[in-house]
Amino acid sequence: MTYIASFDIGTTHVKGILVNRDGELFHEQNVSLTCRQEPPFIEQEPEQWFKAVGTIVNEWFRDGIGAGLISLVSFSGQMQDCIPVDEQGRAVRPAILYSDSRAGAEARMIRDEIGEEEIFRSAANRMDGTLTFPKLLWLKTHEADSCARTSRYLISSKDYVIARLTGAFVTDPTSAATTGCMDIRRREWREDWLVRMGLPAGKLPDILPSGETAGRVHAEGSRLTGLAEGTPVLCGIGDAGAATLGAGVYEPGEVYAYIGTTGWIAGVSGGVADPASGLFNLAYAEPGRYINVAPLTNAGNAHHWAAEVFAPEAAGTDGRGMYEAVERLVEASDRGRNKILFLPYLNGERCPVQDEEASGCFIGLRPSTTKADMAAAVLEGVAFAMKQVMELRGAPEGAASLTLIGGGARSRQWCRVLADVFGTEVSVPSESQFLPCLGAAALGFPGLGWASSYDRLCELFKIRRKCETFSPDAEKKAHYESKYARYLELYPALAPVFRQAATEA
């Protein structure tokens, strides 16, 4: 039996799996990552991504998987980063991550110079300080020395690992759509925009189709990871594209939800959505298909914050104890009567509101409030935000259930909250946290002769996967309908407070 080795390089973990021609997953591995957060600065050392891949490969070898059994390598990764590298593909400085919003002033400069109408028409997304294009301009202004030592700017965490494995500087159309400077229909860089902003042309990675071979593992990449020299490495796909493929969503009209560190509600269409609505448009695996995303800056990171604040004593050696303690707290809360509201904008927000200055808030605290009530309110707050963005993008008519994937889906209490808030069944595929890995692996199936097309492959994934279903509680559903109406009033009422706080900072 031979395998595709697939890696999903996120913010908090690198996940790796081996996938056979039947779409079965084997030898799942998970390596934790560290991240430096001093909002609006959020950075990560890229070399740890590469080392994590080597760690996972060597775990496979210890389990008896020889390098010769790996037919090819594919990747999914966090997008919208700014990763300056030298000629050898090594990081010049820490990566500026997607959730880093330091470049707000530079985004305004780009809007003023190029014009919002042209940006919407070509890039099909809002220009804000989290995109790669403004971050490039920020580096030019604030770190001229780093820019002078930079040979290329990479976009996704997977792009960095591919460069270290093969020497190729590439990205995929899904990741490139998060920069703010790719023509989304032509899938080409708008280098004329870079020149207009005084940035050098030719330093962005080459845009390749996701399923195309970016290169082969070179001698140094083999020595450092254990992968066989000459093993083909695909260009791969940004995490939202990989998650969409892994969820089996390929046809227009299909929708699913994802909870990772950040989150989104996403669906596939044959055209771009109006970016003025707050929706984000991504190029999908094949030309003519787009992923319309309602992105949430705050999702699993709010869960992590609650775990650190409400249950630090339960962390244990791997940190999982904190999350288990939060599960117990939420279960102990009387959710059908809990009136505490939580606005989950811990890192600002980009959808359904666009406000980098917004912050997280509890509303309704009383002397009788418990940690259990507050922990439950955090999960409810993210669920309300997801409901709001679902309404923004429009739920498919007659949808009887919502497919939920990502690490957040491991929280059974959160799944119950979501079912009650949405008032519909929530379907969680088994091993949902590894579905982005499965989606990245799917890119290699046609080339190996394992599948004829992505659409047929997605149907196969949906037929074969096992799911756990959470049904809404009628009493809690009614409670949440009333609570959601109050939740919608929070941001409009607090926005002036956020603006005032920003001016005084």
Protein backbone atom coordinates (compact mmCIF):
# COMPACT_ATOMS: atom_id res chain seq x y z
CA MET A 1 0.00 0.00 0.00
CA THR A 2 1.25 3.49 -0.87
CA TYR A 3 0.15 6.80 0.60
CA ILE A 4 -0.14 10.51 0.08
CA ALA A 5 1.50 12.31 3.00
CA SER A 6 -0.62 15.34 3.82
CA PHE A 7 0.10 18.14 6.27
CA ASP A 8 -2.10 20.95 7.57
CA ILE A 9 0.01 23.79 8.99
CA GLY A 10 -2.15 25.95 11.23
CA THR A 11 -1.47 28.51 13.95
CA THR A 12 -1.45 26.24 16.98
CA HIS A 13 -0.65 22.83 15.45
CA VAL A 14 0.82 21.03 12.47
CA LYS A 15 -1.26 17.96 11.67
CA GLY A 16 -0.10 15.13 9.46
CA ILE A 17 -1.86 12.07 8.04
CA LEU A 18 -1.26 9.35 5.50
CA VAL A 19 -4.10 8.82 3.01
CA ASN A 20 -4.59 5.77 0.82
CA ARG A 21 -6.43 5.56 -2.51
CA ASP A 22 -9.74 4.79 -0.72
CA GLY A 23 -9.57 8.08 1.21
CA GLU A 24 -8.83 6.32 4.49
CA LEU A 25 -6.70 8.12 7.09
CA PHE A 26 -3.76 6.50 8.84
CA HIS A 27 -1.15 7.45 11.45
CA GLU A 28 -2.56 10.84 12.44
CA GLN A 29 0.04 13.03 14.10
CA ASN A 30 -0.19 16.43 15.79
CA VAL A 31 2.65 18.78 16.78
CA SER A 32 2.02 21.93 18.84
CA LEU A 33 3.28 25.36 17.76
CA THR A 34 4.00 28.56 19.64
CA CYS A 35 2.87 32.02 18.61
CA ARG A 36 3.79 35.50 19.83
CA GLN A 37 0.71 37.65 20.36
CA GLU A 38 0.92 41.31 21.32
CA PRO A 39 -2.09 42.63 19.38
CA PRO A 40 -2.10 44.04 16.81
CA PHE A 41 1.24 42.20 16.35
CA ILE A 42 0.76 38.43 15.91
CA GLU A 43 3.83 36.57 14.68
CA GLN A 44 5.24 33.06 14.39
CA GLU A 45 8.66 31.58 13.67
CA PRO A 46 8.35 29.78 10.28
CA GLU A 47 11.15 27.31 10.93
CA GLN A 48 9.02 25.53 13.53
CA TRP A 49 6.55 24.63 10.75
CA PHE A 50 9.33 22.88 8.83
CA LYS A 51 10.71 21.12 11.91
CA ALA A 52 7.21 19.91 12.82
CA VAL A 53 6.90 18.21 9.43
CA GLY A 54 10.18 16.39 10.07
CA THR A 55 8.96 15.35 13.52
CA ILE A 56 5.77 13.87 12.05
CA VAL A 57 7.62 12.03 9.28
CA ASN A 58 9.98 10.45 11.80
CA GLU A 59 7.01 9.34 13.93
CA TRP A 60 5.69 7.55 10.83
CA PHE A 61 9.04 5.85 10.37
CA ARG A 62 8.95 4.66 13.98
CA ASP A 63 5.52 3.18 13.24
CA GLY A 64 7.02 1.17 10.38
CA ILE A 65 6.14 3.40 7.43
CA GLY A 66 9.09 3.47 5.04
CA ALA A 67 9.90 6.57 3.00
CA GLY A 68 9.31 4.55 -0.18
CA LEU A 69 5.63 4.10 0.72
CA ILE A 70 5.00 7.85 0.37
CA SER A 71 4.07 8.51 -3.27
CA LEU A 72 3.78 12.26 -2.95
CA VAL A 73 3.44 15.07 -0.42
CA SER A 74 0.67 17.68 -0.22
CA PHE A 75 -0.04 20.61 2.06
CA SER A 76 -2.72 22.83 3.51
CA GLY A 77 -1.76 25.93 5.44
CA GLN A 78 -2.84 29.15 7.09
CA MET A 79 -3.16 31.92 4.49
CA GLN A 80 -2.88 35.70 4.36
CA ASP A 81 0.55 35.72 6.03
CA CYS A 82 3.58 37.78 5.10
CA ILE A 83 6.70 35.59 5.18
CA PRO A 84 9.91 37.27 3.95
CA VAL A 85 12.58 34.72 2.97
CA ASP A 86 16.12 34.84 1.60
CA GLU A 87 17.45 33.06 -1.51
CA GLN A 88 17.70 29.76 0.39
CA GLY A 89 14.06 30.01 1.50
CA ARG A 90 14.91 30.74 5.14
CA ALA A 91 12.87 33.30 7.05
CA VAL A 92 14.38 36.79 7.29
CA ARG A 93 12.12 37.64 10.23
CA PRO A 94 9.10 36.03 11.97
CA ALA A 95 6.03 35.56 9.80
CA ILE A 96 3.34 38.23 10.18
CA LEU A 97 0.19 36.14 10.53
CA TYR A 98 -3.23 36.54 8.95
CA SER A 99 -4.82 37.85 12.16
CA ASP A 100 -2.16 40.56 12.59
CA SER A 101 -3.82 43.92 11.88
CA ARG A 102 -0.84 46.28 12.22
CA ALA A 103 -1.13 47.52 8.63
CA GLY A 104 -4.44 49.39 8.91
CA ALA A 105 -2.90 52.74 7.89
CA GLU A 106 -1.19 51.10 4.90
CA ALA A 107 -4.50 49.55 3.80
CA ARG A 108 -6.04 53.01 3.79
CA MET A 109 -3.14 54.28 1.67
CA ILE A 110 -3.74 51.51 -0.86
CA ARG A 111 -7.47 52.24 -0.99
CA ASP A 112 -6.77 55.93 -1.53
CA GLU A 113 -4.26 55.25 -4.32
CA ILE A 114 -5.94 52.42 -6.22
CA GLY A 115 -9.57 53.04 -5.35
CA GLU A 116 -12.04 50.76 -3.63
CA GLU A 117 -14.03 50.19 -6.81
CA GLU A 118 -11.00 48.86 -8.72
CA ILE A 119 -9.97 46.71 -5.76
CA PHE A 120 -13.45 45.19 -5.54
CA ARG A 121 -13.56 44.60 -9.30
CA SER A 122 -10.19 42.84 -9.54
CA ALA A 123 -9.28 41.36 -6.12
CA ALA A 124 -12.97 40.98 -5.12
CA ASN A 125 -12.21 41.58 -1.44
CA ARG A 126 -12.02 44.44 1.03
CA MET A 127 -8.62 46.00 1.57
CA ASP A 128 -7.84 45.90 5.29
CA GLY A 129 -4.78 45.70 7.48
CA THR A 130 -4.84 41.91 7.77
CA LEU A 131 -4.11 41.30 4.07
CA THR A 132 -0.60 40.59 2.80
CA PHE A 133 -0.41 43.59 0.45
CA PRO A 134 -0.67 46.21 3.25
CA LYS A 135 1.77 44.17 5.35
CA LEU A 136 4.33 44.42 2.54
CA LEU A 137 3.91 48.18 2.62
CA TRP A 138 4.26 48.19 6.42
CA LEU A 139 7.56 46.30 6.16
CA LYS A 140 8.85 48.77 3.57
CA THR A 141 8.08 51.66 5.95
CA HIS A 142 9.16 50.14 9.25
CA GLU A 143 11.75 47.45 8.46
CA ALA A 144 13.84 48.54 5.50
CA ASP A 145 16.69 46.24 6.57
CA SER A 146 14.44 43.17 6.51
CA CYS A 147 13.20 44.14 3.06
CA ALA A 148 16.76 44.51 1.78
CA ARG A 149 17.56 40.94 2.86
CA THR A 150 14.36 39.50 1.36
CA SER A 151 14.49 37.55 -1.88
CA ARG A 152 10.80 36.54 -1.99
CA TYR A 153 7.64 37.09 0.04
CA LEU A 154 5.59 33.96 0.71
CA ILE A 155 1.88 33.91 1.56
CA SER A 156 1.03 30.68 3.34
CA SER A 157 2.76 28.59 5.99
CA LYS A 158 2.76 25.68 3.52
CA ASP A 159 4.61 27.84 0.98
CA TYR A 160 7.48 28.16 3.44
CA VAL A 161 7.74 24.41 4.00
CA ILE A 162 7.56 23.75 0.25
CA ALA A 163 10.43 26.22 -0.28
CA ARG A 164 12.52 24.50 2.40
CA LEU A 165 11.77 21.04 0.93
CA THR A 166 12.19 21.80 -2.78
CA GLY A 167 13.69 25.28 -3.27
CA ALA A 168 10.53 26.38 -5.15
CA PHE A 169 8.85 29.69 -4.30
CA VAL A 170 5.19 29.04 -5.11
CA THR A 171 1.67 29.59 -3.83
CA ASP A 172 -1.79 28.47 -4.90
CA PRO A 173 -4.70 30.63 -6.16
CA THR A 174 -6.71 30.14 -2.94
CA SER A 175 -3.88 31.49 -0.77
CA ALA A 176 -3.02 34.20 -3.30
CA ALA A 177 -6.61 35.51 -3.13
CA THR A 178 -5.95 36.50 0.51
CA THR A 179 -3.17 38.94 -0.37
CA GLY A 180 -5.36 41.71 -1.78
CA CYS A 181 -3.24 41.95 -4.94
CA MET A 182 -4.29 39.00 -7.13
CA ASP A 183 -6.81 39.34 -9.95
CA ILE A 184 -9.16 36.62 -8.73
CA ARG A 185 -10.64 35.76 -12.14
CA ARG A 186 -7.35 35.70 -14.09
CA ARG A 187 -5.40 34.25 -11.12
CA GLU A 188 -2.52 36.62 -11.76
CA TRP A 189 -0.67 39.13 -9.57
CA ARG A 190 -1.53 42.80 -9.96
CA GLU A 191 2.13 43.80 -10.04
CA ASP A 192 1.09 47.18 -11.41
CA TRP A 193 -0.52 47.83 -8.01
CA LEU A 194 2.70 46.93 -6.23
CA VAL A 195 4.65 49.36 -8.42
CA ARG A 196 2.10 52.14 -7.78
CA MET A 197 2.71 51.68 -4.04
CA GLY A 198 6.50 51.75 -4.44
CA LEU A 199 6.94 48.00 -3.86
CA PRO A 200 9.22 45.82 -5.98
CA ALA A 201 7.62 43.58 -8.60
CA GLY A 202 8.72 39.99 -9.02
CA LYS A 203 9.16 39.10 -5.35
CA LEU A 204 5.83 37.35 -4.83
CA PRO A 205 5.75 33.56 -5.34
CA ASP A 206 4.71 31.96 -8.60
CA ILE A 207 0.99 31.07 -8.66
CA LEU A 208 0.50 27.40 -9.57
CA PRO A 209 -2.66 25.27 -9.69
CA SER A 210 -3.16 23.53 -6.36
CA GLY A 211 -2.76 20.04 -7.79
CA GLU A 212 0.39 20.84 -9.78
CA THR A 213 3.80 19.57 -8.70
CA ALA A 214 5.77 22.46 -7.18
CA GLY A 215 9.00 20.49 -7.11
CA ARG A 216 10.67 17.44 -5.64
CA VAL A 217 12.27 16.92 -2.27
CA HIS A 218 15.92 17.94 -2.68
CA ALA A 219 18.89 16.46 -0.83
CA GLU A 220 18.80 18.99 2.01
CA GLY A 221 15.05 18.61 2.43
CA SER A 222 15.47 14.85 2.59
CA ARG A 223 18.28 15.06 5.13
CA LEU A 224 16.29 17.33 7.44
CA THR A 225 12.92 15.57 7.24
CA GLY A 226 13.57 11.97 6.21
CA LEU A 227 11.34 12.20 3.14
CA ALA A 228 12.91 10.40 0.19
CA GLU A 229 14.86 12.61 -2.17
CA GLY A 230 12.91 13.10 -5.39
CA THR A 231 9.46 12.65 -3.80
CA PRO A 232 6.97 14.92 -5.66
CA VAL A 233 5.59 17.83 -3.63
CA LEU A 234 2.32 19.44 -4.74
CA CYS A 235 1.69 23.17 -4.57
CA GLY A 236 -1.15 22.42 -2.14
CA ILE A 237 -3.98 24.71 -1.13
CA GLY A 238 -4.76 27.30 1.54
CA ASP A 239 -6.57 26.02 4.62
CA ALA A 240 -10.02 27.27 3.63
CA GLY A 241 -9.75 25.51 0.27
CA ALA A 242 -8.47 22.32 1.89
CA ALA A 243 -11.23 22.36 4.49
CA THR A 244 -13.84 22.84 1.76
CA LEU A 245 -12.51 19.89 -0.25
CA GLY A 246 -12.18 17.74 2.88
CA ALA A 247 -15.77 18.52 3.84
CA GLY A 248 -16.83 17.24 0.42
CA VAL A 249 -18.17 20.66 -0.60
CA TYR A 250 -17.59 21.27 -4.29
CA GLU A 251 -20.89 22.05 -5.97
CA PRO A 252 -22.45 25.55 -5.96
CA GLY A 253 -24.93 26.04 -3.11
CA GLU A 254 -23.28 23.69 -0.59
CA VAL A 255 -22.37 25.28 2.78
CA TYR A 256 -20.41 24.23 5.87
CA ALA A 257 -18.92 25.76 9.02
CA TYR A 258 -15.34 25.60 10.28
CA ILE A 259 -13.98 26.30 13.77
CA GLY A 260 -10.22 26.45 14.08
CA THR A 261 -8.27 29.22 15.78
CA THR A 262 -10.38 31.46 13.57
CA GLY A 263 -13.54 30.29 11.85
CA TRP A 264 -15.80 30.73 8.88
CA ILE A 265 -19.06 29.86 7.19
CA ALA A 266 -18.31 29.00 3.58
CA GLY A 267 -19.91 27.75 0.41
CA VAL A 268 -19.06 27.26 -3.26
CA SER A 269 -20.40 29.29 -6.18
CA GLY A 270 -19.74 30.02 -9.80
CA GLY A 271 -19.02 33.70 -9.14
CA VAL A 272 -17.73 36.15 -6.59
CA ALA A 273 -19.93 37.61 -3.85
CA ASP A 274 -20.24 41.34 -3.22
CA PRO A 275 -17.23 42.17 -1.00
CA ALA A 276 -19.05 45.25 0.32
CA SER A 277 -21.24 42.84 2.30
CA GLY A 278 -18.26 41.67 4.34
CA LEU A 279 -17.94 38.34 2.53
CA PHE A 280 -14.50 37.20 1.42
CA ASN A 281 -13.92 35.60 -1.98
CA LEU A 282 -11.36 32.87 -2.65
CA ALA A 283 -10.38 31.13 -5.85
CA TYR A 284 -11.14 27.41 -5.53
CA ALA A 285 -9.18 24.38 -6.75
CA GLU A 286 -10.28 24.78 -10.37
CA PRO A 287 -10.92 27.92 -12.45
CA GLY A 288 -14.54 29.08 -12.54
CA ARG A 289 -15.29 28.01 -8.98
CA TYR A 290 -15.10 30.30 -5.97
CA ILE A 291 -15.40 29.88 -2.23
CA ASN A 292 -17.53 32.63 -0.68
CA VAL A 293 -16.44 32.93 2.93
CA ALA A 294 -17.91 34.76 5.88
CA PRO A 295 -14.73 34.87 8.00
CA LEU A 296 -14.61 35.07 11.79
CA THR A 297 -11.41 36.39 13.35
CA ASN A 298 -12.54 34.99 16.71
CA ALA A 299 -13.58 31.36 17.11
CA GLY A 300 -11.32 28.71 18.63
CA ASN A 301 -9.06 31.45 19.99
CA ALA A 302 -11.99 32.59 22.19
CA HIS A 303 -12.40 29.01 23.40
CA HIS A 304 -8.66 28.89 24.19
CA TRP A 305 -8.87 32.20 26.05
CA ALA A 306 -11.77 30.90 28.15
CA ALA A 307 -9.83 27.74 28.95
CA GLU A 308 -6.79 29.71 30.10
CA VAL A 309 -8.86 32.14 32.19
CA PHE A 310 -11.42 29.79 33.74
CA ALA A 311 -9.46 26.56 34.08
CA PRO A 312 -5.68 27.19 34.11
CA GLU A 313 -5.18 24.81 37.02
CA ALA A 314 -6.42 21.92 34.86
CA ALA A 315 -3.95 22.44 32.00
CA GLY A 316 -1.94 19.23 32.47
CA THR A 317 1.12 18.47 30.39
CA ASP A 318 -0.57 18.90 27.00
CA GLY A 319 -3.10 21.64 27.84
CA ARG A 320 -6.07 19.40 27.04
CA GLY A 321 -7.17 19.38 30.65
CA MET A 322 -8.21 23.04 30.39
CA TYR A 323 -10.60 22.27 27.56
CA GLU A 324 -12.04 19.29 29.39
CA ALA A 325 -12.63 21.55 32.40
CA VAL A 326 -14.44 24.07 30.18
CA GLU A 327 -16.62 21.21 28.90
CA ARG A 328 -17.62 20.42 32.47
CA LEU A 329 -18.29 24.09 33.23
CA VAL A 330 -20.54 24.55 30.21
CA GLU A 331 -22.38 21.33 31.02
CA ALA A 332 -22.98 22.64 34.56
CA SER A 333 -24.43 25.92 33.32
CA ASP A 334 -28.20 26.21 33.01
CA ARG A 335 -28.00 27.32 29.38
CA GLY A 336 -31.77 27.62 29.06
CA ARG A 337 -31.74 30.43 31.67
CA ASN A 338 -28.25 31.93 31.39
CA LYS A 339 -28.63 35.61 30.41
CA ILE A 340 -24.91 36.49 30.21
CA LEU A 341 -23.91 37.78 26.78
CA PHE A 342 -20.38 37.68 25.37
CA LEU A 343 -19.19 39.69 22.38
CA PRO A 344 -16.29 37.56 21.09
CA TYR A 345 -14.21 40.24 19.35
CA LEU A 346 -11.01 39.55 21.30
CA ASN A 347 -8.84 40.39 18.26
CA GLY A 348 -11.12 42.90 16.58
CA GLU A 349 -13.37 41.50 13.85
CA ARG A 350 -13.69 41.48 10.07
CA CYS A 351 -17.11 39.88 9.58
CA PRO A 352 -19.98 40.49 10.16
CA VAL A 353 -18.50 43.82 11.29
CA GLN A 354 -15.28 45.34 10.05
CA ASP A 355 -13.68 46.84 13.14
CA GLU A 356 -10.06 46.26 14.13
CA GLU A 357 -10.63 48.23 17.35
CA ALA A 358 -13.54 46.13 18.65
CA SER A 359 -12.87 44.06 21.76
CA GLY A 360 -14.40 41.22 23.73
CA CYS A 361 -17.07 42.08 26.33
CA PHE A 362 -19.28 40.37 28.89
CA ILE A 363 -22.71 41.93 29.41
CA GLY A 364 -25.11 41.13 32.24
CA LEU A 365 -22.74 40.13 35.03
CA ARG A 366 -24.33 39.87 38.51
CA PRO A 367 -23.04 38.79 41.93
CA SER A 368 -24.64 35.41 41.25
CA THR A 369 -22.74 34.93 37.96
CA THR A 370 -20.58 31.79 37.92
CA LYS A 371 -17.58 30.68 35.89
CA ALA A 372 -19.87 28.11 34.33
CA ASP A 373 -22.22 30.84 33.08
CA MET A 374 -19.32 32.87 31.69
CA ALA A 375 -17.71 29.86 29.99
CA ALA A 376 -21.03 28.97 28.38
CA ALA A 377 -21.49 32.58 27.26
CA VAL A 378 -18.14 32.48 25.44
CA LEU A 379 -19.15 29.48 23.33
CA GLU A 380 -22.59 31.03 22.80
CA GLY A 381 -21.02 34.32 21.67
CA VAL A 382 -19.04 32.61 18.92
CA ALA A 383 -22.15 30.63 17.95
CA PHE A 384 -24.15 33.88 17.68
CA ALA A 385 -21.41 35.40 15.52
CA MET A 386 -21.56 32.34 13.27
CA LYS A 387 -25.34 32.63 13.03
CA GLN A 388 -24.98 36.29 12.09
CA VAL A 389 -22.51 35.58 9.28
CA MET A 390 -24.66 32.67 8.09
CA GLU A 391 -27.55 35.09 7.71
CA LEU A 392 -25.21 37.49 5.92
CA ARG A 393 -24.18 34.97 3.26
CA GLY A 394 -27.62 33.35 3.09
CA ALA A 395 -28.30 29.82 4.25
CA PRO A 396 -29.29 27.29 1.57
CA GLU A 397 -33.04 26.87 1.37
CA GLY A 398 -34.39 23.84 3.15
CA ALA A 399 -31.10 23.01 4.85
CA ALA A 400 -31.86 20.38 7.48
CA SER A 401 -28.39 20.30 9.00
CA LEU A 402 -25.12 22.17 9.22
CA THR A 403 -21.83 20.35 8.66
CA LEU A 404 -19.24 21.43 11.22
CA ILE A 405 -15.53 20.69 10.93
CA GLY A 406 -12.29 21.81 12.56
CA GLY A 407 -10.78 21.39 16.00
CA GLY A 408 -13.68 23.21 17.67
CA ALA A 409 -15.98 20.39 16.61
CA ARG A 410 -14.28 18.17 19.21
CA SER A 411 -16.18 20.09 21.90
CA ARG A 412 -19.45 18.23 22.32
CA GLN A 413 -20.84 21.06 24.46
CA TRP A 414 -20.07 23.58 21.71
CA CYS A 415 -21.79 21.35 19.15
CA ARG A 416 -24.88 21.28 21.36
CA VAL A 417 -24.78 25.06 21.73
CA LEU A 418 -24.54 25.48 17.95
CA ALA A 419 -27.46 23.11 17.34
CA ASP A 420 -29.61 25.07 19.79
CA VAL A 421 -28.52 28.50 18.44
CA PHE A 422 -29.01 27.55 14.79
CA GLY A 423 -32.14 25.54 15.53
CA THR A 424 -30.99 22.77 13.22
CA GLU A 425 -29.04 19.53 13.33
CA VAL A 426 -25.27 19.92 13.48
CA SER A 427 -23.44 17.10 11.72
CA VAL A 428 -19.81 16.48 12.73
CA PRO A 429 -17.76 14.13 10.52
CA SER A 430 -15.46 11.74 12.34
CA GLU A 431 -11.89 13.05 12.63
CA SER A 432 -13.15 16.45 11.49
CA GLN A 433 -9.97 18.16 12.68
CA PHE A 434 -8.07 16.22 9.98
CA LEU A 435 -10.41 17.08 7.09
CA PRO A 436 -8.14 19.91 5.83
CA CYS A 437 -5.40 17.25 5.58
CA LEU A 438 -7.81 15.04 3.63
CA GLY A 439 -8.68 17.96 1.34
CA ALA A 440 -5.00 18.65 0.64
CA ALA A 441 -4.42 14.97 -0.06
CA ALA A 442 -7.35 14.96 -2.51
CA LEU A 443 -5.32 17.21 -4.79
CA GLY A 444 -3.02 14.29 -5.54
CA PHE A 445 -5.70 11.72 -6.36
CA PRO A 446 -6.20 12.63 -10.06
CA GLY A 447 -2.45 12.64 -10.79
CA LEU A 448 -1.99 9.20 -9.20
CA GLY A 449 -5.00 7.82 -11.08
CA TRP A 450 -6.94 7.37 -7.82
CA ALA A 451 -9.89 9.55 -8.92
CA SER A 452 -11.04 11.13 -12.16
CA SER A 453 -12.16 14.51 -10.79
CA TYR A 454 -12.55 16.58 -7.62
CA ASP A 455 -16.35 16.55 -7.77
CA ARG A 456 -16.55 12.75 -7.86
CA LEU A 457 -13.95 12.56 -5.10
CA CYS A 458 -15.99 14.89 -2.87
CA GLU A 459 -19.05 12.71 -3.38
CA LEU A 460 -16.98 9.70 -2.35
CA PHE A 461 -15.83 11.48 0.82
CA LYS A 462 -19.41 12.31 1.80
CA ILE A 463 -20.67 8.78 1.15
CA ARG A 464 -17.94 7.09 3.18
CA ARG A 465 -17.60 9.41 6.16
CA LYS A 466 -19.20 8.71 9.50
CA CYS A 467 -20.88 11.59 11.34
CA GLU A 468 -22.20 12.36 14.80
CA THR A 469 -25.36 14.43 14.81
CA PHE A 470 -26.48 16.92 17.47
CA SER A 471 -30.15 17.89 17.49
CA PRO A 472 -31.55 21.16 18.89
CA ASP A 473 -33.41 21.29 22.19
CA ALA A 474 -36.75 23.07 21.63
CA GLU A 475 -36.68 24.94 24.94
CA LYS A 476 -33.10 26.13 24.54
CA LYS A 477 -33.76 27.05 20.90
CA ALA A 478 -36.52 29.45 22.00
CA HIS A 479 -34.26 30.90 24.71
CA TYR A 480 -31.49 31.49 22.20
CA GLU A 481 -33.78 33.19 19.71
CA SER A 482 -34.51 35.85 22.34
CA LYS A 483 -30.89 36.01 23.46
CA TYR A 484 -29.64 36.35 19.88
CA ALA A 485 -31.87 39.38 19.33
CA ARG A 486 -30.18 41.05 22.32
CA TYR A 487 -26.75 39.95 21.08
CA LEU A 488 -27.32 41.79 17.79
CA GLU A 489 -27.74 45.04 19.73
CA LEU A 490 -24.33 44.81 21.42
CA TYR A 491 -21.92 45.91 18.72
CA PRO A 492 -23.92 48.93 17.46
CA ALA A 493 -24.22 50.13 21.07
CA LEU A 494 -20.54 49.55 21.90
CA ALA A 495 -18.90 50.70 18.65
CA PRO A 496 -18.59 54.34 19.86
CA VAL A 497 -16.92 53.07 23.03
CA PHE A 498 -14.41 51.06 20.98
CA ARG A 499 -13.61 54.13 18.82
CA GLN A 500 -13.13 56.32 21.87
CA ALA A 501 -10.85 53.75 23.52
CA ALA A 502 -8.75 53.54 20.33
CA THR A 503 -8.23 57.32 20.21
CA GLU A 504 -7.11 57.35 23.85
CA ALA A 505 -4.68 54.43 23.49
